[in-house]
Structure formats: C-alpha cells, structure tokens
N, C-alpha and C. Protein backbone atom coordinates (compact mmCIF):
# COMPACT_ATOMS: atom_id res chain seq x y z
N ARG A 1 0.98 -1.18 0.14
CA ARG A 1 -0.15 -0.07 0.08
C ARG A 1 0.71 0.99 0.08
N GLN A 2 2.04 1.05 0.95
CA GLN A 2 2.64 2.39 1.01
C GLN A 2 3.69 2.59 -0.42
N LYS A 3 3.86 1.72 -1.44
CA LYS A 3 4.42 1.83 -2.23
C LYS A 3 3.50 2.68 -3.71
N ILE A 4 2.08 1.90 -3.17
CA ILE A 4 1.23 2.70 -4.19
C ILE A 4 1.19 3.94 -3.98
N ALA A 5 0.98 4.31 -2.99
CA ALA A 5 0.90 5.56 -2.48
C ALA A 5 2.27 6.79 -2.77
N GLN A 6 2.97 6.05 -2.81
CA GLN A 6 4.12 6.62 -3.28
C GLN A 6 4.38 7.05 -4.64
N LEU A 7 4.12 5.98 -5.29
CA LEU A 7 3.99 5.99 -6.92
C LEU A 7 2.75 6.99 -7.42
N LEU A 8 1.63 6.99 -6.63
CA LEU A 8 0.39 7.80 -6.76
C LEU A 8 0.99 9.41 -6.39
N LEU A 9 1.99 9.70 -5.74
CA LEU A 9 2.13 10.90 -5.56
C LEU A 9 2.84 11.45 -6.54
N ASN A 10 3.75 10.29 -7.33
CA ASN A 10 4.49 10.83 -8.17
C ASN A 10 3.95 11.18 -9.54
N ARG A 11 2.30 11.06 -9.70
CA ARG A 11 1.26 11.41 -10.52
C ARG A 11 1.78 10.64 -11.58
N GLU A 12 2.08 9.04 -11.60
CA GLU A 12 2.11 8.19 -12.37
C GLU A 12 0.88 7.38 -12.67
N ALA A 13 0.48 7.01 -14.17
CA ALA A 13 -0.61 6.39 -14.71
C ALA A 13 -0.73 5.03 -13.39
N LEU A 14 -2.03 5.07 -13.51
CA LEU A 14 -2.68 3.83 -12.77
C LEU A 14 -2.16 2.54 -13.36
N THR A 15 -2.34 2.42 -14.72
CA THR A 15 -1.73 1.03 -15.42
C THR A 15 -0.32 1.06 -15.24
N HIS A 16 0.36 2.22 -15.19
CA HIS A 16 2.17 2.16 -15.29
C HIS A 16 2.11 1.50 -13.91
N ILE A 17 1.78 1.66 -12.80
CA ILE A 17 1.86 1.48 -11.37
C ILE A 17 1.74 0.18 -11.35
N ALA A 18 0.59 -0.27 -12.10
CA ALA A 18 -0.07 -1.81 -11.61
C ALA A 18 0.97 -2.60 -12.45
N SER A 19 1.59 -2.26 -13.90
CA SER A 19 2.45 -3.30 -14.30
C SER A 19 3.74 -3.15 -13.85
N LYS A 20 4.04 -2.10 -12.93
CA LYS A 20 5.64 -1.70 -12.26
C LYS A 20 5.51 -2.88 -11.13
N LEU A 21 4.29 -2.73 -10.57
CA LEU A 21 4.13 -3.24 -9.16
C LEU A 21 3.47 -5.15 -9.11
N ALA A 22 3.18 -5.52 -10.50
CA ALA A 22 2.60 -6.41 -11.02
C ALA A 22 1.47 -6.72 -9.98
N ILE A 23 0.55 -5.72 -10.55
CA ILE A 23 -0.85 -5.98 -9.47
C ILE A 23 -1.62 -5.59 -10.30
N SER A 24 -2.84 -5.83 -10.30
CA SER A 24 -4.13 -5.27 -11.46
C SER A 24 -4.45 -3.98 -11.18
N THR A 25 -4.88 -3.05 -12.12
CA THR A 25 -5.45 -1.64 -12.10
C THR A 25 -6.65 -1.75 -11.03
N SER A 26 -7.19 -2.55 -11.22
CA SER A 26 -8.27 -2.28 -9.97
C SER A 26 -7.91 -2.24 -8.70
N THR A 27 -6.83 -3.22 -8.17
CA THR A 27 -6.23 -2.82 -7.14
C THR A 27 -5.78 -1.51 -6.72
N VAL A 28 -5.04 -1.16 -7.97
CA VAL A 28 -4.55 0.19 -7.49
C VAL A 28 -5.71 1.29 -7.04
N ARG A 29 -6.44 1.21 -8.26
CA ARG A 29 -7.98 2.19 -7.99
C ARG A 29 -8.60 2.15 -6.81
N LYS A 30 -8.40 1.24 -6.10
CA LYS A 30 -9.08 1.08 -5.01
C LYS A 30 -8.32 1.45 -3.77
N LEU A 31 -6.77 1.11 -4.04
CA LEU A 31 -5.99 1.72 -3.00
C LEU A 31 -5.95 3.38 -3.17
N LYS A 32 -6.28 3.71 -4.05
CA LYS A 32 -5.96 5.17 -4.69
C LYS A 32 -7.01 6.11 -3.59
N GLN A 33 -8.11 5.48 -3.38
CA GLN A 33 -9.44 6.19 -2.47
C GLN A 33 -9.06 5.77 -1.01
N TYR A 34 -7.91 4.76 -0.75
CA TYR A 34 -7.78 4.59 0.65
C TYR A 34 -6.81 5.81 1.49
N HIS A 35 -7.25 6.28 2.47
CA HIS A 35 -6.74 7.08 3.12
C HIS A 35 -5.71 6.70 4.21
N PHE A 36 -4.62 6.97 4.13
CA PHE A 36 -3.42 6.18 5.09
C PHE A 36 -3.62 6.97 6.61
N GLN A 37 -4.07 6.35 7.47
CA GLN A 37 -3.73 6.80 8.85
C GLN A 37 -2.73 7.18 9.69
N GLU A 38 -2.11 8.25 9.97
CA GLU A 38 -0.69 8.34 10.67
C GLU A 38 -0.95 8.04 12.10
N ASP A 39 0.02 7.74 12.45
CA ASP A 39 0.05 7.34 14.01
C ASP A 39 0.77 8.33 14.61
N TYR A 40 0.36 9.46 14.89
CA TYR A 40 1.18 10.16 15.72
C TYR A 40 1.79 10.13 17.24
N ALA A 41 1.35 8.90 17.55
CA ALA A 41 1.89 8.56 19.07
C ALA A 41 3.48 8.06 18.71
N ASN A 42 3.57 7.29 17.83
CA ASN A 42 5.09 6.82 18.02
C ASN A 42 5.99 7.66 16.63
N LEU A 43 7.18 7.35 17.36
CA LEU A 43 8.40 7.28 16.18
C LEU A 43 9.46 6.37 16.79
N PRO A 44 10.01 6.18 15.19
CA PRO A 44 11.14 4.64 15.49
C PRO A 44 12.34 5.88 16.36
N GLU A 45 13.45 4.90 16.97
CA GLU A 45 14.45 5.54 17.39
C GLU A 45 15.48 5.97 16.50
N VAL A 46 15.38 5.55 15.19
CA VAL A 46 16.38 5.63 14.27
C VAL A 46 15.42 5.88 12.55
N LEU A 47 15.52 7.20 12.44
CA LEU A 47 14.69 7.65 11.33
C LEU A 47 15.56 8.44 10.18
N SER A 48 15.20 7.94 9.18
CA SER A 48 15.69 8.12 7.88
C SER A 48 14.96 9.00 7.13
N TRP A 49 15.65 10.30 6.40
CA TRP A 49 14.79 11.22 5.89
C TRP A 49 15.36 11.38 4.32
N ASP A 50 14.58 11.35 3.48
CA ASP A 50 15.03 11.72 1.66
C ASP A 50 14.09 12.48 1.25
N GLU A 51 14.54 13.10 0.02
CA GLU A 51 13.82 13.29 -0.85
C GLU A 51 13.93 12.66 -1.88
N PHE A 52 12.65 12.67 -3.19
CA PHE A 52 12.57 12.35 -4.30
C PHE A 52 11.70 13.12 -4.99
N SER A 53 12.06 12.95 -6.80
CA SER A 53 11.34 13.69 -7.31
C SER A 53 9.89 13.29 -7.48
N TYR A 54 9.00 14.67 -7.36
CA TYR A 54 7.72 14.64 -7.15
C TYR A 54 7.20 14.82 -8.50
N GLN A 55 7.19 15.72 -8.76
CA GLN A 55 6.93 16.23 -10.43
C GLN A 55 8.06 16.91 -11.16
N LYS A 56 7.96 17.28 -12.09
CA LYS A 56 9.12 17.44 -12.83
C LYS A 56 9.77 18.81 -12.44
N GLY A 57 10.80 18.81 -11.67
CA GLY A 57 11.46 19.88 -11.37
C GLY A 57 11.00 20.12 -9.89
N LYS A 58 10.21 19.42 -9.41
CA LYS A 58 9.81 19.43 -7.80
C LYS A 58 10.33 17.97 -7.13
N LEU A 59 10.82 17.97 -5.86
CA LEU A 59 11.18 17.60 -4.82
C LEU A 59 10.03 17.20 -3.78
N ALA A 60 10.14 16.07 -2.98
CA ALA A 60 9.14 15.68 -2.15
C ALA A 60 10.39 15.02 -1.05
N PHE A 61 9.53 15.16 0.33
CA PHE A 61 10.38 14.43 1.39
C PHE A 61 9.58 13.08 1.89
N ILE A 62 10.08 12.50 2.33
CA ILE A 62 10.05 11.11 2.89
C ILE A 62 10.72 10.71 4.08
N ALA A 63 9.80 10.22 4.91
CA ALA A 63 10.63 9.96 6.60
C ALA A 63 10.00 8.22 6.52
N GLN A 64 11.12 7.62 7.01
CA GLN A 64 10.74 6.25 7.22
C GLN A 64 11.84 5.77 8.43
N ASP A 65 11.36 4.63 8.84
CA ASP A 65 11.98 3.89 9.93
C ASP A 65 13.28 3.30 9.21
N PHE A 66 14.39 3.50 9.85
CA PHE A 66 15.73 3.20 9.20
C PHE A 66 15.83 1.61 9.32
N ASN A 67 15.39 1.12 10.18
CA ASN A 67 15.45 -0.35 10.65
C ASN A 67 14.56 -1.23 9.68
N THR A 68 13.18 -0.85 9.89
CA THR A 68 12.49 -1.71 9.09
C THR A 68 11.79 -0.94 7.77
N LYS A 69 12.50 0.00 6.91
CA LYS A 69 12.02 0.40 5.92
C LYS A 69 10.62 0.95 5.79
N LYS A 70 9.94 0.85 7.19
CA LYS A 70 8.58 1.45 6.92
C LYS A 70 8.19 2.91 6.88
N ILE A 71 7.67 3.08 5.93
CA ILE A 71 7.50 4.54 5.61
C ILE A 71 6.61 5.23 6.62
N ILE A 72 7.17 6.31 7.20
CA ILE A 72 6.32 7.16 8.34
C ILE A 72 5.27 8.34 7.40
N THR A 73 5.88 9.15 6.45
CA THR A 73 5.20 9.99 6.23
C THR A 73 5.82 10.33 4.65
N ILE A 74 4.79 10.88 3.85
CA ILE A 74 5.67 11.19 2.42
C ILE A 74 4.49 12.53 2.40
N LEU A 75 5.63 13.85 2.23
CA LEU A 75 5.12 15.30 2.23
C LEU A 75 5.51 15.84 0.73
N ASP A 76 4.63 16.63 0.30
CA ASP A 76 4.38 16.47 -1.26
C ASP A 76 5.28 17.91 -1.32
N ASN A 77 6.08 18.29 -0.49
CA ASN A 77 7.39 19.36 -0.46
C ASN A 77 8.49 18.85 0.58
N ARG A 78 9.54 19.78 0.13
CA ARG A 78 10.87 19.22 1.39
C ARG A 78 10.94 20.63 1.91
N ARG A 79 10.48 22.05 2.27
CA ARG A 79 10.38 22.96 2.59
C ARG A 79 10.31 22.63 4.58
N GLN A 80 11.43 23.55 4.93
CA GLN A 80 11.73 23.24 6.43
C GLN A 80 10.68 23.53 7.07
N THR A 81 9.77 24.58 6.87
CA THR A 81 8.20 24.53 7.60
C THR A 81 7.42 23.75 7.39
N THR A 82 7.37 23.16 6.38
CA THR A 82 6.26 21.67 6.16
C THR A 82 6.88 20.78 7.07
N ILE A 83 7.88 20.26 6.71
CA ILE A 83 8.64 19.25 7.35
C ILE A 83 8.39 19.18 9.25
N ARG A 84 8.70 20.46 9.49
CA ARG A 84 8.50 21.05 11.25
C ARG A 84 7.15 20.78 11.46
N ASN A 85 6.55 21.52 10.88
CA ASN A 85 5.00 21.47 11.07
C ASN A 85 4.44 20.10 11.03
N HIS A 86 4.70 19.17 10.29
CA HIS A 86 4.47 17.72 10.29
C HIS A 86 5.13 17.26 11.76
N PHE A 87 6.29 17.12 11.63
CA PHE A 87 6.60 16.75 13.30
C PHE A 87 5.94 17.26 14.55
N PHE A 88 5.77 18.31 14.60
CA PHE A 88 5.07 18.98 15.58
C PHE A 88 3.76 18.18 16.21
N LYS A 89 3.61 17.57 15.28
CA LYS A 89 1.91 16.77 15.29
C LYS A 89 2.26 15.85 16.45
N TYR A 90 3.17 15.01 16.45
CA TYR A 90 4.03 14.16 17.32
C TYR A 90 3.81 15.02 18.72
N SER A 91 3.74 13.78 19.59
CA SER A 91 3.86 14.52 21.06
C SER A 91 5.44 14.54 21.31
N LYS A 92 5.88 15.32 22.18
CA LYS A 92 6.99 15.81 22.70
C LYS A 92 7.56 14.23 22.97
N GLU A 93 6.84 13.36 23.76
CA GLU A 93 7.70 12.40 24.19
C GLU A 93 7.90 11.68 23.05
N ALA A 94 7.15 11.44 21.61
CA ALA A 94 7.39 10.62 20.61
C ALA A 94 8.68 11.15 19.98
N ARG A 95 8.47 12.41 19.77
CA ARG A 95 9.89 13.13 19.07
C ARG A 95 11.11 12.85 20.16
N ASN A 96 11.21 12.73 21.26
CA ASN A 96 12.41 12.51 22.36
C ASN A 96 12.83 11.26 22.11
N ARG A 97 12.00 10.20 21.54
CA ARG A 97 12.38 9.01 21.57
C ARG A 97 13.34 8.48 20.18
N VAL A 98 13.20 9.63 19.31
CA VAL A 98 14.19 9.84 18.19
C VAL A 98 15.58 9.98 18.60
N LYS A 99 16.44 8.84 18.34
CA LYS A 99 17.94 9.59 18.70
C LYS A 99 19.18 9.51 17.63
N VAL A 100 18.49 9.33 16.44
CA VAL A 100 19.53 9.45 15.41
C VAL A 100 18.23 9.81 13.98
N VAL A 101 18.76 10.54 13.26
CA VAL A 101 18.00 11.32 12.00
C VAL A 101 19.24 11.00 10.98
N THR A 102 18.83 9.97 10.11
CA THR A 102 19.82 10.10 8.77
C THR A 102 19.22 10.54 7.52
N VAL A 103 20.14 11.35 7.08
CA VAL A 103 19.32 11.93 5.83
C VAL A 103 20.47 11.74 4.37
C-alpha cells in the first residue's frame, strides 16, 4: 500500500503503477481511494529522511523507519516549515524517542 501511495504521489498512471508492481489496475484504483492513517503517538529511534522527484522540477520529502524501512510519511514538498509542522503533530515524548536522523 505504501509503495502504491508513493507512486500515486509521483502522478504516475494507474496502469503504469499496476504493471510496475505486478498487480491489477483495479487494485491500484481501490487503494487510490484509501486514506492512510498516520500514527502520531510513535516514532522510531532511528529515522531516515530523504527527498525524491515528485513532479518535473519538484522534490518531495519522505521519512521512514531506518531499521524496518516502513514509511512514516510522504510530504509533497521539502520545505523546512512543512517538515517541522508535520513533526510537531507528534507528542514531545514521541519526538524525544528519536535518537538518530539519517539524511
């Protein structure tokens, strides 16, 4: 689901996503309507941050658990204010549990 969400953020065609992931287009269509619930109570001890091409000439931000590779969030831009505002949604205790951030 997370990989499909990432590809949908890249504005790729549903048929292209389906063939790339070897799933049916109807599965992609169903998951396109799925809203991912973010858990603002927990953050991993080791967080990995990166950026990727979102649209032509634009970069997006992705955060994931370094150890499990689980995607924590995908933001549509990499501006400091956007990233800061997103992580301020987490409790101070959750933010304090993060020991290392890799970029």
